[in-house]
Amino acid sequence: MTAELARHRSPQNTNLFPDYDAIGKHLQTDFRFTYLYPAEEVNGNWKAWLPQYVCDKGLVWCSEKQPHQQCEDRTFRQRLLHTRSGIAIDAVTDTTTEGSLRETECVQTRWRDDASQDAGPVAFVGYALAKTPQAIDQLCSMEVLFVGGDTRYGLGKLRLIDKQEADHVFSHVELRGDSLVLKGNVVLAHTKTSRKMVGAREVLVGWDARKRWLPAGDATPLWTPGSRVDQKDPAAAFRIEQTGIWCLE
């Protein structure tokens, strides 16, 4: 979002470098974004598949169109993902480079069904929560986003096909001062909390050209999307932070 909005605002036919830093801070102040989740078209509407940890099954994906429909993670990945092989070529000798054979895991443009047949286009659903109506208008000019780590190779291109007001964000949402708070048992982003939960944890890291790899925030492991509050406990309230990470309110 920062990259695309900065390029849109950068004066045309000039040598001025886009102000990524200022745009990034503006987005963190005036917006909160949910993650993007894979979705399929149902009667003209796009319904997301959301992660959830289930006892005795582990991570499963639940469809918005049929909340009780569950797909185990391994099966879901087979429906959604494929791999592309590649290898580095030495420009001098025109031969392959030792140890450079690799595979890149990619999201398909079409769903597979259980029989590996075409099951319709893949889309992603996400929500932009803005402080003011004027703020959301700034995003409407962006029709294309590039996401992921291999955009230089033409991967990760998302084209906007629909946008509309929404009265829900996967769960109950409310505004508390300057904070957006979501209530529920299942977290749908990486989450900081000391509360007892069921799921998986991992450390998020990001790339900084000056410091190389560094943790996103701190080195504390975060609960992964789909993790849930212990079923014996009541639903919790989570605040969406500037980075998109959730935090127990």
Protein backbone atom coordinates (compact mmCIF):
# COMPACT_ATOMS: atom_id res chain seq x y z
CA MET A 1 0.00 0.00 0.00
CA THR A 2 2.81 2.39 0.90
CA ALA A 3 4.69 1.77 -2.34
CA GLU A 4 1.67 2.15 -4.62
CA LEU A 5 0.25 5.23 -2.88
CA ALA A 6 3.68 6.92 -2.83
CA ARG A 7 4.11 6.35 -6.56
CA HIS A 8 0.60 7.68 -7.25
CA ARG A 9 1.33 10.86 -5.30
CA SER A 10 4.81 11.40 -6.75
CA PRO A 11 4.81 14.29 -9.28
CA GLN A 12 4.95 13.06 -12.85
CA ASN A 13 7.83 13.92 -15.18
CA THR A 14 10.15 14.82 -12.30
CA ASN A 15 13.17 13.21 -10.74
CA LEU A 16 11.73 13.45 -7.24
CA PHE A 17 11.92 10.20 -5.32
CA PRO A 18 8.56 9.01 -3.89
CA ASP A 19 8.23 9.90 -0.21
CA TYR A 20 7.76 6.36 1.06
CA ASP A 21 8.49 7.26 4.68
CA ALA A 22 5.85 10.01 4.95
CA ILE A 23 3.22 7.94 3.13
CA GLY A 24 3.93 4.94 5.35
CA LYS A 25 3.47 7.01 8.51
CA HIS A 26 0.25 8.50 7.09
CA LEU A 27 -1.18 5.03 6.46
CA GLN A 28 -0.23 3.88 9.96
CA THR A 29 -1.95 6.92 11.50
CA ASP A 30 -5.21 7.02 9.50
CA PHE A 31 -5.77 3.37 8.59
CA ARG A 32 -5.82 -0.14 9.91
CA PHE A 33 -5.65 -3.06 7.49
CA THR A 34 -6.60 -6.67 7.95
CA TYR A 35 -4.62 -9.45 6.33
CA LEU A 36 -5.63 -10.65 2.87
CA TYR A 37 -7.36 -14.02 2.79
CA PRO A 38 -7.99 -16.29 -0.22
CA ALA A 39 -11.55 -16.13 -1.48
CA GLU A 40 -13.79 -17.79 -4.04
CA GLU A 41 -16.80 -16.42 -5.88
CA VAL A 42 -20.23 -17.51 -4.66
CA ASN A 43 -23.28 -16.13 -6.51
CA GLY A 44 -21.41 -12.98 -7.48
CA ASN A 45 -19.95 -12.39 -4.01
CA TRP A 46 -16.44 -13.16 -2.82
CA LYS A 47 -16.30 -15.35 0.28
CA ALA A 48 -13.05 -15.71 2.19
CA TRP A 49 -11.50 -18.83 3.64
CA LEU A 50 -10.32 -18.11 7.20
CA PRO A 51 -7.80 -20.09 9.30
CA GLN A 52 -8.71 -21.70 12.61
CA TYR A 53 -7.11 -24.22 14.93
CA VAL A 54 -9.41 -27.09 15.87
CA CYS A 55 -8.73 -29.66 18.56
CA ASP A 56 -7.64 -33.04 17.15
CA LYS A 57 -7.32 -31.54 13.64
CA GLY A 58 -4.80 -28.74 13.95
CA LEU A 59 -5.02 -25.89 11.45
CA VAL A 60 -8.09 -25.92 9.20
CA TRP A 61 -9.66 -23.37 6.86
CA CYS A 62 -13.31 -22.37 7.24
CA SER A 63 -15.41 -20.92 4.44
CA GLU A 64 -17.45 -17.75 4.98
CA LYS A 65 -20.14 -19.18 2.72
CA GLN A 66 -20.53 -22.24 4.97
CA PRO A 67 -18.98 -21.53 8.40
CA HIS A 68 -19.16 -25.19 9.41
CA GLN A 69 -17.35 -26.33 6.27
CA GLN A 70 -13.73 -27.12 7.15
CA CYS A 71 -10.77 -27.97 4.94
CA GLU A 72 -7.58 -29.35 6.49
CA ASP A 73 -4.51 -27.22 5.86
CA ARG A 74 -2.71 -29.78 3.69
CA THR A 75 -5.75 -30.22 1.43
CA PHE A 76 -6.35 -26.47 1.30
CA ARG A 77 -2.77 -25.81 0.21
CA GLN A 78 -3.15 -28.37 -2.57
CA ARG A 79 -6.24 -26.53 -3.81
CA LEU A 80 -4.58 -23.09 -3.70
CA LEU A 81 -0.82 -23.40 -4.24
CA HIS A 82 1.63 -24.70 -6.80
CA THR A 83 5.43 -24.61 -7.13
CA ARG A 84 7.67 -23.21 -9.85
CA SER A 85 11.17 -24.58 -10.26
CA GLY A 86 14.11 -22.39 -11.23
CA ILE A 87 17.88 -22.35 -11.41
CA ALA A 88 20.56 -19.67 -11.72
CA ILE A 89 22.59 -19.49 -14.95
CA ASP A 90 26.20 -18.29 -14.93
CA ALA A 91 26.35 -15.48 -17.51
CA VAL A 92 30.00 -16.16 -18.36
CA THR A 93 29.90 -19.91 -18.92
CA ASP A 94 26.19 -20.16 -19.76
CA THR A 95 25.97 -23.08 -17.33
CA THR A 96 23.98 -23.62 -14.17
CA THR A 97 25.37 -22.41 -10.88
CA GLU A 98 26.26 -25.01 -8.26
CA GLY A 99 23.54 -25.44 -5.63
CA SER A 100 21.12 -22.93 -7.18
CA LEU A 101 18.21 -25.24 -8.01
CA ARG A 102 15.16 -24.00 -6.12
CA GLU A 103 11.38 -24.04 -5.99
CA THR A 104 9.10 -21.05 -5.46
CA GLU A 105 5.71 -21.63 -3.88
CA CYS A 106 3.03 -19.54 -5.61
CA VAL A 107 -0.67 -18.87 -5.28
CA GLN A 108 -2.54 -20.16 -8.32
CA THR A 109 -4.86 -17.93 -10.32
CA ARG A 110 -7.52 -20.68 -10.30
CA TRP A 111 -8.79 -22.94 -7.53
CA ARG A 112 -8.48 -26.70 -7.80
CA ASP A 113 -11.28 -28.94 -6.55
CA ASP A 114 -10.75 -32.29 -4.85
CA ALA A 115 -10.31 -33.92 -8.26
CA SER A 116 -7.67 -31.32 -9.31
CA GLN A 117 -10.13 -29.76 -11.78
CA ASP A 118 -10.65 -26.03 -12.36
CA ALA A 119 -12.91 -24.62 -9.63
CA GLY A 120 -13.01 -20.92 -10.51
CA PRO A 121 -10.80 -17.85 -10.04
CA VAL A 122 -8.80 -17.11 -6.89
CA ALA A 123 -9.22 -13.70 -5.25
CA PHE A 124 -8.16 -12.15 -1.96
CA VAL A 125 -10.46 -10.37 0.48
CA GLY A 126 -9.24 -7.80 2.98
CA TYR A 127 -10.58 -4.79 4.86
CA ALA A 128 -9.31 -1.20 5.07
CA LEU A 129 -10.53 0.57 8.20
CA ALA A 130 -10.25 4.37 7.94
CA LYS A 131 -10.68 7.12 10.50
CA THR A 132 -12.64 9.35 8.08
CA PRO A 133 -14.53 8.96 4.78
CA GLN A 134 -12.02 11.35 3.20
CA ALA A 135 -9.18 9.03 4.12
CA ILE A 136 -10.72 6.03 2.37
CA ASP A 137 -11.14 8.07 -0.84
CA GLN A 138 -7.35 8.25 -1.11
CA LEU A 139 -7.17 4.51 -1.67
CA CYS A 140 -9.78 4.36 -4.43
CA SER A 141 -7.35 5.42 -7.15
CA MET A 142 -5.19 2.33 -6.66
CA GLU A 143 -6.30 -0.43 -9.00
CA VAL A 144 -3.22 -2.68 -8.77
CA LEU A 145 -1.06 -3.91 -5.88
CA PHE A 146 2.06 -6.06 -5.87
CA VAL A 147 2.51 -8.33 -2.86
CA GLY A 148 5.01 -10.97 -1.84
CA GLY A 149 8.74 -11.35 -2.22
CA ASP A 150 9.11 -12.02 -5.96
CA THR A 151 7.39 -9.04 -7.56
CA ARG A 152 10.47 -8.31 -9.68
CA TYR A 153 9.74 -11.54 -11.57
CA GLY A 154 6.15 -10.57 -12.29
CA LEU A 155 4.63 -12.49 -9.38
CA GLY A 156 2.24 -11.13 -6.78
CA LYS A 157 0.16 -8.82 -8.99
CA LEU A 158 -3.33 -8.20 -7.57
CA ARG A 159 -5.95 -6.28 -9.55
CA LEU A 160 -8.88 -4.65 -7.76
CA ILE A 161 -12.17 -6.10 -8.98
CA ASP A 162 -14.60 -4.90 -6.32
CA LYS A 163 -14.79 -2.56 -3.35
CA GLN A 164 -17.74 -1.82 -1.13
CA GLU A 165 -18.64 -0.73 2.36
CA ALA A 166 -18.71 -3.56 4.86
CA ASP A 167 -20.59 -3.84 8.12
CA HIS A 168 -18.39 -6.60 9.48
CA VAL A 169 -14.69 -7.44 9.54
CA PHE A 170 -14.81 -11.21 9.86
CA SER A 171 -16.07 -10.54 13.43
CA HIS A 172 -17.47 -7.79 15.69
CA VAL A 173 -15.52 -4.51 15.48
CA GLU A 174 -15.78 -1.29 17.48
CA LEU A 175 -13.90 2.00 17.81
CA ARG A 176 -12.35 2.83 21.19
CA GLY A 177 -10.77 6.26 20.99
CA ASP A 178 -8.17 5.97 18.24
CA SER A 179 -8.06 2.18 18.48
CA LEU A 180 -9.98 -0.35 16.38
CA VAL A 181 -10.94 -3.35 18.46
CA LEU A 182 -12.17 -6.72 17.23
CA LYS A 183 -13.90 -9.23 19.48
CA GLY A 184 -13.80 -12.96 19.02
CA ASN A 185 -12.25 -16.28 19.95
CA VAL A 186 -10.09 -16.69 16.84
CA VAL A 187 -7.28 -14.29 15.87
CA LEU A 188 -6.91 -13.52 12.16
CA ALA A 189 -3.47 -11.89 12.25
CA HIS A 190 -0.24 -12.40 14.16
CA THR A 191 -1.10 -11.59 17.76
CA LYS A 192 0.65 -10.48 20.94
CA THR A 193 -1.00 -11.72 24.12
CA SER A 194 -0.13 -13.43 27.37
CA ARG A 195 -3.55 -15.07 27.40
CA LYS A 196 -3.75 -18.85 27.15
CA MET A 197 -4.40 -19.81 23.53
CA VAL A 198 -4.43 -22.83 21.23
CA GLY A 199 -2.47 -22.72 17.98
CA ALA A 200 1.07 -22.01 16.83
CA ARG A 201 3.65 -19.29 17.49
CA GLU A 202 6.43 -17.82 15.39
CA VAL A 203 8.77 -14.82 15.30
CA LEU A 204 8.16 -12.27 12.54
CA VAL A 205 11.22 -10.76 10.87
CA GLY A 206 11.61 -8.12 8.21
CA TRP A 207 14.37 -6.86 5.94
CA ASP A 208 16.18 -3.59 6.64
CA ALA A 209 18.90 -2.64 4.15
CA ARG A 210 20.93 -1.07 6.95
CA LYS A 211 20.54 -3.85 9.52
CA ARG A 212 19.71 -6.88 7.38
CA TRP A 213 17.16 -9.21 9.04
CA LEU A 214 15.54 -7.95 12.23
CA PRO A 215 12.44 -8.89 14.23
CA ALA A 216 9.19 -7.08 13.49
CA GLY A 217 8.68 -5.19 16.75
CA ASP A 218 10.45 -7.45 19.20
CA ALA A 219 11.73 -11.00 19.19
CA THR A 220 8.76 -12.36 21.16
CA PRO A 221 7.01 -15.22 19.33
CA LEU A 222 3.54 -14.22 18.13
CA TRP A 223 0.43 -16.35 17.83
CA THR A 224 -0.20 -17.14 14.17
CA PRO A 225 -3.48 -16.47 12.31
CA GLY A 226 -6.08 -19.08 13.20
CA SER A 227 -4.93 -19.45 16.81
CA ARG A 228 -7.81 -19.27 19.23
CA VAL A 229 -8.61 -18.38 22.81
CA ASP A 230 -9.00 -21.42 25.04
CA GLN A 231 -12.57 -22.66 24.67
CA LYS A 232 -13.05 -22.46 28.44
CA ASP A 233 -12.45 -18.69 28.36
CA PRO A 234 -14.84 -15.99 27.08
CA ALA A 235 -14.19 -14.12 23.85
CA ALA A 236 -11.40 -11.55 24.00
CA ALA A 237 -10.99 -8.05 22.55
CA PHE A 238 -7.96 -7.41 20.34
CA ARG A 239 -6.61 -4.06 19.14
CA ILE A 240 -5.17 -3.72 15.62
CA GLU A 241 -1.79 -1.99 15.90
CA GLN A 242 -0.12 0.21 13.27
CA THR A 243 1.82 -2.73 11.88
CA GLY A 244 -1.32 -4.86 11.46
CA ILE A 245 -0.40 -7.06 14.42
CA TRP A 246 -3.18 -7.69 16.93
CA CYS A 247 -2.69 -7.08 20.64
CA LEU A 248 -4.89 -8.08 23.58
CA GLU A 249 -6.90 -5.03 24.62
